[in-house]
């Protein structure tokens, strides 16, 4: 299943920003399109479309490309202006996943490589599900349910969480989040990825 961002003005702006950053990081390394495609395990056409701002890649694809470049996902969705303190105002996060049921995955904050921490604000509509491939070795995820009932499948093990419940689990195995209820569910998610860019590349196949 492919998870695309909303095709609106903000998404177009985000796609162009991501494309410019991918191109900049690739050129900084002296890599060709083919070299980045091979390192990330994605097609050359996908790299071209991304650099032109004409693609809405899945979160898994963005993770593989950011890992191959050694910059981490947060660095792909913001301009390269390192600041000791960075404030993201409400509504300014990068919406990297949306669904027809009203679901939305927004990357609201993140740190730079090599040890990358991502902070997400997730909403799943009734019946929504988001599946994630196994991330790079050593990845850890922490989440807390803010509203509704959330089902988390970690490598075939099902866990049901209610509002206020929290959970820690390995992100380097296949996992998914689902809303089995009739009301929206909202949860905060933190993802820790150690040693981004140290040479390991995530497997293709989101």
C-alpha atoms as a PDB file:
ATOM      1  CA  UNK A   1       0.000   0.000   0.000  1.00  0.00           C
ATOM      2  CA  UNK A   2       1.279   3.431  -0.937  1.00  0.00           C
ATOM      3  CA  UNK A   3       0.727   6.342   1.439  1.00  0.00           C
ATOM      4  CA  UNK A   4       0.745   9.708  -0.315  1.00  0.00           C
ATOM      5  CA  UNK A   5       0.615  13.198   1.082  1.00  0.00           C
ATOM      6  CA  UNK A   6      -2.306  15.477   0.252  1.00  0.00           C
ATOM      7  CA  UNK A   7      -2.028  17.086  -3.184  1.00  0.00           C
ATOM      8  CA  UNK A   8      -2.413  20.683  -2.072  1.00  0.00           C
ATOM      9  CA  UNK A   9      -0.318  23.818  -2.083  1.00  0.00           C
ATOM     10  CA  UNK A  10       1.500  23.000   1.144  1.00  0.00           C
ATOM     11  CA  UNK A  11       2.343  19.533  -0.150  1.00  0.00           C
ATOM     12  CA  UNK A  12       3.691  20.971  -3.406  1.00  0.00           C
ATOM     13  CA  UNK A  13       5.905  23.338  -1.429  1.00  0.00           C
ATOM     14  CA  UNK A  14       7.093  20.451   0.754  1.00  0.00           C
ATOM     15  CA  UNK A  15       7.809  18.242  -2.272  1.00  0.00           C
ATOM     16  CA  UNK A  16       9.906  20.977  -3.883  1.00  0.00           C
ATOM     17  CA  UNK A  17      11.837  21.549  -0.644  1.00  0.00           C
ATOM     18  CA  UNK A  18      12.541  17.838  -0.232  1.00  0.00           C
ATOM     19  CA  UNK A  19      13.617  17.574  -3.869  1.00  0.00           C
ATOM     20  CA  UNK A  20      16.032  20.482  -3.543  1.00  0.00           C
ATOM     21  CA  UNK A  21      17.545  18.994  -0.400  1.00  0.00           C
ATOM     22  CA  UNK A  22      17.946  15.542  -1.952  1.00  0.00           C
ATOM     23  CA  UNK A  23      19.666  17.057  -4.993  1.00  0.00           C
ATOM     24  CA  UNK A  24      21.918  19.205  -2.801  1.00  0.00           C
ATOM     25  CA  UNK A  25      22.988  16.301  -0.582  1.00  0.00           C
ATOM     26  CA  UNK A  26      23.540  14.030  -3.594  1.00  0.00           C
ATOM     27  CA  UNK A  27      25.697  16.623  -5.347  1.00  0.00           C
ATOM     28  CA  UNK A  28      27.617  17.351  -2.141  1.00  0.00           C
ATOM     29  CA  UNK A  29      28.666  13.697  -2.160  1.00  0.00           C
ATOM     30  CA  UNK A  30      29.492  13.743  -5.864  1.00  0.00           C
ATOM     31  CA  UNK A  31      26.936  10.992  -6.479  1.00  0.00           C
ATOM     32  CA  UNK A  32      25.129  10.368  -9.730  1.00  0.00           C
ATOM     33  CA  UNK A  33      21.407   9.643  -9.818  1.00  0.00           C
ATOM     34  CA  UNK A  34      22.231   5.978 -10.345  1.00  0.00           C
ATOM     35  CA  UNK A  35      24.561   5.878  -7.325  1.00  0.00           C
ATOM     36  CA  UNK A  36      21.918   7.313  -4.997  1.00  0.00           C
ATOM     37  CA  UNK A  37      19.241   5.039  -6.431  1.00  0.00           C
ATOM     38  CA  UNK A  38      21.439   1.992  -5.819  1.00  0.00           C
ATOM     39  CA  UNK A  39      22.429   3.072  -2.300  1.00  0.00           C
ATOM     40  CA  UNK A  40      18.814   3.741  -1.308  1.00  0.00           C
ATOM     41  CA  UNK A  41      17.293   0.759  -3.096  1.00  0.00           C
ATOM     42  CA  UNK A  42      14.848   2.837  -5.134  1.00  0.00           C
ATOM     43  CA  UNK A  43      14.483   3.473  -8.857  1.00  0.00           C
ATOM     44  CA  UNK A  44      16.404   6.150 -10.746  1.00  0.00           C
ATOM     45  CA  UNK A  45      13.063   7.513 -11.955  1.00  0.00           C
ATOM     46  CA  UNK A  46      11.920   7.997  -8.350  1.00  0.00           C
ATOM     47  CA  UNK A  47      15.063  10.026  -7.571  1.00  0.00           C
ATOM     48  CA  UNK A  48      14.519  12.179 -10.665  1.00  0.00           C
ATOM     49  CA  UNK A  49      10.855  12.773  -9.828  1.00  0.00           C
ATOM     50  CA  UNK A  50      11.708  13.624  -6.234  1.00  0.00           C
ATOM     51  CA  UNK A  51      14.417  16.120  -7.186  1.00  0.00           C
ATOM     52  CA  UNK A  52      11.954  17.784  -9.550  1.00  0.00           C
ATOM     53  CA  UNK A  53       9.318  17.957  -6.810  1.00  0.00           C
ATOM     54  CA  UNK A  54       7.010  15.794  -8.909  1.00  0.00           C
ATOM     55  CA  UNK A  55       6.745  12.807  -6.576  1.00  0.00           C
ATOM     56  CA  UNK A  56       4.898  12.038  -3.349  1.00  0.00           C
ATOM     57  CA  UNK A  57       7.023   9.161  -2.052  1.00  0.00           C
ATOM     58  CA  UNK A  58       6.008   6.918   0.818  1.00  0.00           C
ATOM     59  CA  UNK A  59       7.499   7.468   4.254  1.00  0.00           C
ATOM     60  CA  UNK A  60       9.492   4.269   3.735  1.00  0.00           C
ATOM     61  CA  UNK A  61      11.053   5.632   0.543  1.00  0.00           C
ATOM     62  CA  UNK A  62      11.951   8.906   2.256  1.00  0.00           C
ATOM     63  CA  UNK A  63      13.583   6.961   5.082  1.00  0.00           C
ATOM     64  CA  UNK A  64      15.699   4.883   2.692  1.00  0.00           C
ATOM     65  CA  UNK A  65      16.876   7.964   0.790  1.00  0.00           C
ATOM     66  CA  UNK A  66      17.653   9.990   3.914  1.00  0.00           C
ATOM     67  CA  UNK A  67      19.540   7.050   5.402  1.00  0.00           C
ATOM     68  CA  UNK A  68      21.538   6.526   2.213  1.00  0.00           C
ATOM     69  CA  UNK A  69      22.478  10.218   2.222  1.00  0.00           C
ATOM     70  CA  UNK A  70      23.345  10.019   5.913  1.00  0.00           C
ATOM     71  CA  UNK A  71      21.239  13.007   6.924  1.00  0.00           C
ATOM     72  CA  UNK A  72      18.141  11.553   8.595  1.00  0.00           C
ATOM     73  CA  UNK A  73      14.517  12.142   7.658  1.00  0.00           C
ATOM     74  CA  UNK A  74      14.063  15.431   9.583  1.00  0.00           C
ATOM     75  CA  UNK A  75      16.889  17.023   7.565  1.00  0.00           C
ATOM     76  CA  UNK A  76      15.085  16.268   4.289  1.00  0.00           C
ATOM     77  CA  UNK A  77      11.993  18.240   5.198  1.00  0.00           C
ATOM     78  CA  UNK A  78      13.625  21.469   6.341  1.00  0.00           C
ATOM     79  CA  UNK A  79      16.141  23.873   4.879  1.00  0.00           C
ATOM     80  CA  UNK A  80      19.803  23.215   5.814  1.00  0.00           C
ATOM     81  CA  UNK A  81      20.161  25.977   8.409  1.00  0.00           C
ATOM     82  CA  UNK A  82      21.287  24.288  11.632  1.00  0.00           C
ATOM     83  CA  UNK A  83      20.048  26.079  14.738  1.00  0.00           C
ATOM     84  CA  UNK A  84      20.631  25.169  18.390  1.00  0.00           C
ATOM     85  CA  UNK A  85      16.949  25.863  19.057  1.00  0.00           C
ATOM     86  CA  UNK A  86      14.254  25.291  16.443  1.00  0.00           C
ATOM     87  CA  UNK A  87      10.584  25.986  17.101  1.00  0.00           C
ATOM     88  CA  UNK A  88       7.880  24.453  14.915  1.00  0.00           C
ATOM     89  CA  UNK A  89       4.591  26.268  15.393  1.00  0.00           C
ATOM     90  CA  UNK A  90       1.257  24.496  15.369  1.00  0.00           C
ATOM     91  CA  UNK A  91       0.320  23.607  11.794  1.00  0.00           C
ATOM     92  CA  UNK A  92       3.877  24.013  10.459  1.00  0.00           C
ATOM     93  CA  UNK A  93       4.944  20.352  10.626  1.00  0.00           C
ATOM     94  CA  UNK A  94       5.601  18.285   7.510  1.00  0.00           C
ATOM     95  CA  UNK A  95       2.568  16.137   6.650  1.00  0.00           C
ATOM     96  CA  UNK A  96       4.241  13.085   5.098  1.00  0.00           C
ATOM     97  CA  UNK A  97       1.223  10.751   5.149  1.00  0.00           C
ATOM     98  CA  UNK A  98      -2.508  11.246   4.738  1.00  0.00           C
ATOM     99  CA  UNK A  99      -5.511   9.000   4.107  1.00  0.00           C
ATOM    100  CA  UNK A 100      -9.007   9.262   2.703  1.00  0.00           C
ATOM    101  CA  UNK A 101     -10.368   8.578   6.205  1.00  0.00           C
ATOM    102  CA  UNK A 102      -8.786  11.774   7.523  1.00  0.00           C
ATOM    103  CA  UNK A 103      -5.576  10.209   8.791  1.00  0.00           C
ATOM    104  CA  UNK A 104      -2.459  12.326   8.957  1.00  0.00           C
ATOM    105  CA  UNK A 105       1.157  11.695   9.915  1.00  0.00           C
ATOM    106  CA  UNK A 106       3.006  14.933  10.633  1.00  0.00           C
ATOM    107  CA  UNK A 107       6.728  15.134  11.369  1.00  0.00           C
ATOM    108  CA  UNK A 108       6.831  18.013  13.859  1.00  0.00           C
ATOM    109  CA  UNK A 109      10.441  17.931  15.071  1.00  0.00           C
ATOM    110  CA  UNK A 110      13.697  16.094  14.606  1.00  0.00           C
ATOM    111  CA  UNK A 111      17.410  16.084  15.317  1.00  0.00           C
ATOM    112  CA  UNK A 112      20.366  15.870  12.951  1.00  0.00           C
ATOM    113  CA  UNK A 113      22.441  12.780  12.175  1.00  0.00           C
ATOM    114  CA  UNK A 114      24.138  10.594  13.201  1.00  0.00           C
ATOM    115  CA  UNK A 115      21.721   9.763  16.046  1.00  0.00           C
ATOM    116  CA  UNK A 116      18.385  10.946  14.698  1.00  0.00           C
ATOM    117  CA  UNK A 117      15.241  11.407  16.772  1.00  0.00           C
ATOM    118  CA  UNK A 118      11.936  12.084  14.995  1.00  0.00           C
ATOM    119  CA  UNK A 119       8.805  13.384  16.746  1.00  0.00           C
ATOM    120  CA  UNK A 120       5.498  12.693  14.993  1.00  0.00           C
ATOM    121  CA  UNK A 121       1.886  13.747  15.526  1.00  0.00           C
ATOM    122  CA  UNK A 122      -0.365  10.995  14.150  1.00  0.00           C
ATOM    123  CA  UNK A 123      -4.109  10.905  13.555  1.00  0.00           C
ATOM    124  CA  UNK A 124      -5.871   7.792  12.219  1.00  0.00           C
ATOM    125  CA  UNK A 125      -9.462   8.006  11.028  1.00  0.00           C
ATOM    126  CA  UNK A 126     -11.988   5.220  11.698  1.00  0.00           C
ATOM    127  CA  UNK A 127     -10.728   2.036  10.033  1.00  0.00           C
ATOM    128  CA  UNK A 128      -7.386   3.629   9.128  1.00  0.00           C
ATOM    129  CA  UNK A 129      -4.178   1.619   9.101  1.00  0.00           C
ATOM    130  CA  UNK A 130      -0.564   2.566   8.446  1.00  0.00           C
ATOM    131  CA  UNK A 131       1.942  -0.196   7.820  1.00  0.00           C
ATOM    132  CA  UNK A 132       5.677   0.340   8.156  1.00  0.00           C
ATOM    133  CA  UNK A 133       8.539  -1.770   6.906  1.00  0.00           C
ATOM    134  CA  UNK A 134      11.381  -2.645   9.239  1.00  0.00           C
ATOM    135  CA  UNK A 135      13.637   0.367   9.756  1.00  0.00           C
ATOM    136  CA  UNK A 136      17.421   0.322  10.111  1.00  0.00           C
ATOM    137  CA  UNK A 137      18.940  -1.918  12.792  1.00  0.00           C
ATOM    138  CA  UNK A 138      18.720  -0.461  16.283  1.00  0.00           C
ATOM    139  CA  UNK A 139      15.727   1.786  15.606  1.00  0.00           C
ATOM    140  CA  UNK A 140      13.436   2.279  18.620  1.00  0.00           C
ATOM    141  CA  UNK A 141       9.927   3.713  18.716  1.00  0.00           C
ATOM    142  CA  UNK A 142       7.960   5.204  21.607  1.00  0.00           C
ATOM    143  CA  UNK A 143       4.344   6.298  21.439  1.00  0.00           C
ATOM    144  CA  UNK A 144       1.529   7.555  23.636  1.00  0.00           C
ATOM    145  CA  UNK A 145      -2.145   7.503  22.735  1.00  0.00           C
ATOM    146  CA  UNK A 146      -3.765  10.901  23.280  1.00  0.00           C
ATOM    147  CA  UNK A 147      -7.298  10.034  22.148  1.00  0.00           C
ATOM    148  CA  UNK A 148      -9.156   6.911  21.031  1.00  0.00           C
ATOM    149  CA  UNK A 149      -8.121   3.274  20.768  1.00  0.00           C
ATOM    150  CA  UNK A 150      -4.976   2.244  18.859  1.00  0.00           C
ATOM    151  CA  UNK A 151      -3.893  -1.232  17.803  1.00  0.00           C
ATOM    152  CA  UNK A 152      -0.163  -1.700  17.246  1.00  0.00           C
ATOM    153  CA  UNK A 153       1.139  -4.803  15.477  1.00  0.00           C
ATOM    154  CA  UNK A 154       4.839  -5.386  16.160  1.00  0.00           C
ATOM    155  CA  UNK A 155       6.179  -8.293  14.110  1.00  0.00           C
ATOM    156  CA  UNK A 156       2.871 -10.157  14.430  1.00  0.00           C
ATOM    157  CA  UNK A 157       2.251  -9.340  18.104  1.00  0.00           C
ATOM    158  CA  UNK A 158      -0.924  -7.288  18.602  1.00  0.00           C
ATOM    159  CA  UNK A 159      -1.193  -4.595  21.292  1.00  0.00           C
ATOM    160  CA  UNK A 160      -4.314  -2.539  22.042  1.00  0.00           C
ATOM    161  CA  UNK A 161      -3.798   0.848  23.680  1.00  0.00           C
ATOM    162  CA  UNK A 162      -6.328   3.298  25.111  1.00  0.00           C
ATOM    163  CA  UNK A 163      -5.984   7.035  25.712  1.00  0.00           C
ATOM    164  CA  UNK A 164      -3.119   7.666  28.118  1.00  0.00           C
ATOM    165  CA  UNK A 165      -1.413   4.331  27.424  1.00  0.00           C
ATOM    166  CA  UNK A 166       2.159   4.318  26.114  1.00  0.00           C
ATOM    167  CA  UNK A 167       4.409   1.752  24.480  1.00  0.00           C
ATOM    168  CA  UNK A 168       8.048   1.184  23.522  1.00  0.00           C
ATOM    169  CA  UNK A 169       9.042  -1.278  20.809  1.00  0.00           C
ATOM    170  CA  UNK A 170      11.767  -2.062  18.255  1.00  0.00           C
ATOM    171  CA  UNK A 171      11.353  -0.270  14.950  1.00  0.00           C
ATOM    172  CA  UNK A 172      13.699  -2.616  13.083  1.00  0.00           C
ATOM    173  CA  UNK A 173      10.913  -5.176  12.574  1.00  0.00           C
ATOM    174  CA  UNK A 174       7.751  -4.837  10.511  1.00  0.00           C
ATOM    175  CA  UNK A 175       5.054  -2.941  12.396  1.00  0.00           C
ATOM    176  CA  UNK A 176       1.759  -1.180  11.835  1.00  0.00           C
ATOM    177  CA  UNK A 177      -0.729   1.114  13.547  1.00  0.00           C
ATOM    178  CA  UNK A 178      -4.503   0.737  13.163  1.00  0.00           C
ATOM    179  CA  UNK A 179      -7.677   2.387  14.397  1.00  0.00           C
ATOM    180  CA  UNK A 180     -10.301  -0.319  15.003  1.00  0.00           C
ATOM    181  CA  UNK A 181     -12.846   2.134  16.420  1.00  0.00           C
ATOM    182  CA  UNK A 182     -15.442   4.510  15.022  1.00  0.00           C
ATOM    183  CA  UNK A 183     -13.770   7.664  16.363  1.00  0.00           C
ATOM    184  CA  UNK A 184     -10.438   9.190  15.282  1.00  0.00           C
ATOM    185  CA  UNK A 185      -7.368   8.153  17.256  1.00  0.00           C
ATOM    186  CA  UNK A 186      -4.452  10.479  17.892  1.00  0.00           C
ATOM    187  CA  UNK A 187      -1.031   9.573  19.196  1.00  0.00           C
ATOM    188  CA  UNK A 188       2.447  11.032  19.583  1.00  0.00           C
ATOM    189  CA  UNK A 189       5.308   8.965  18.201  1.00  0.00           C
ATOM    190  CA  UNK A 190       9.044   9.310  18.756  1.00  0.00           C
ATOM    191  CA  UNK A 191      11.477   7.368  16.573  1.00  0.00           C
ATOM    192  CA  UNK A 192      15.153   6.962  17.483  1.00  0.00           C
ATOM    193  CA  UNK A 193      17.506   5.966  14.655  1.00  0.00           C
ATOM    194  CA  UNK A 194      21.136   5.465  15.746  1.00  0.00           C
ATOM    195  CA  UNK A 195      24.090   5.892  13.423  1.00  0.00           C
ATOM    196  CA  UNK A 196      22.241   7.244  10.392  1.00  0.00           C
ATOM    197  CA  UNK A 197      24.581   7.287   7.409  1.00  0.00           C
ATOM    198  CA  UNK A 198      27.054   4.874   8.964  1.00  0.00           C
ATOM    199  CA  UNK A 199      26.751   2.506   6.030  1.00  0.00           C
ATOM    200  CA  UNK A 200      23.669   0.438   6.703  1.00  0.00           C
ATOM    201  CA  UNK A 201      20.854   0.749   4.167  1.00  0.00           C
ATOM    202  CA  UNK A 202      17.262  -0.233   4.805  1.00  0.00           C
ATOM    203  CA  UNK A 203      15.689  -2.932   2.697  1.00  0.00           C
ATOM    204  CA  UNK A 204      13.487  -1.819  -0.169  1.00  0.00           C
ATOM    205  CA  UNK A 205       9.839  -2.714  -0.336  1.00  0.00           C
ATOM    206  CA  UNK A 206       7.416  -0.330   1.353  1.00  0.00           C
END
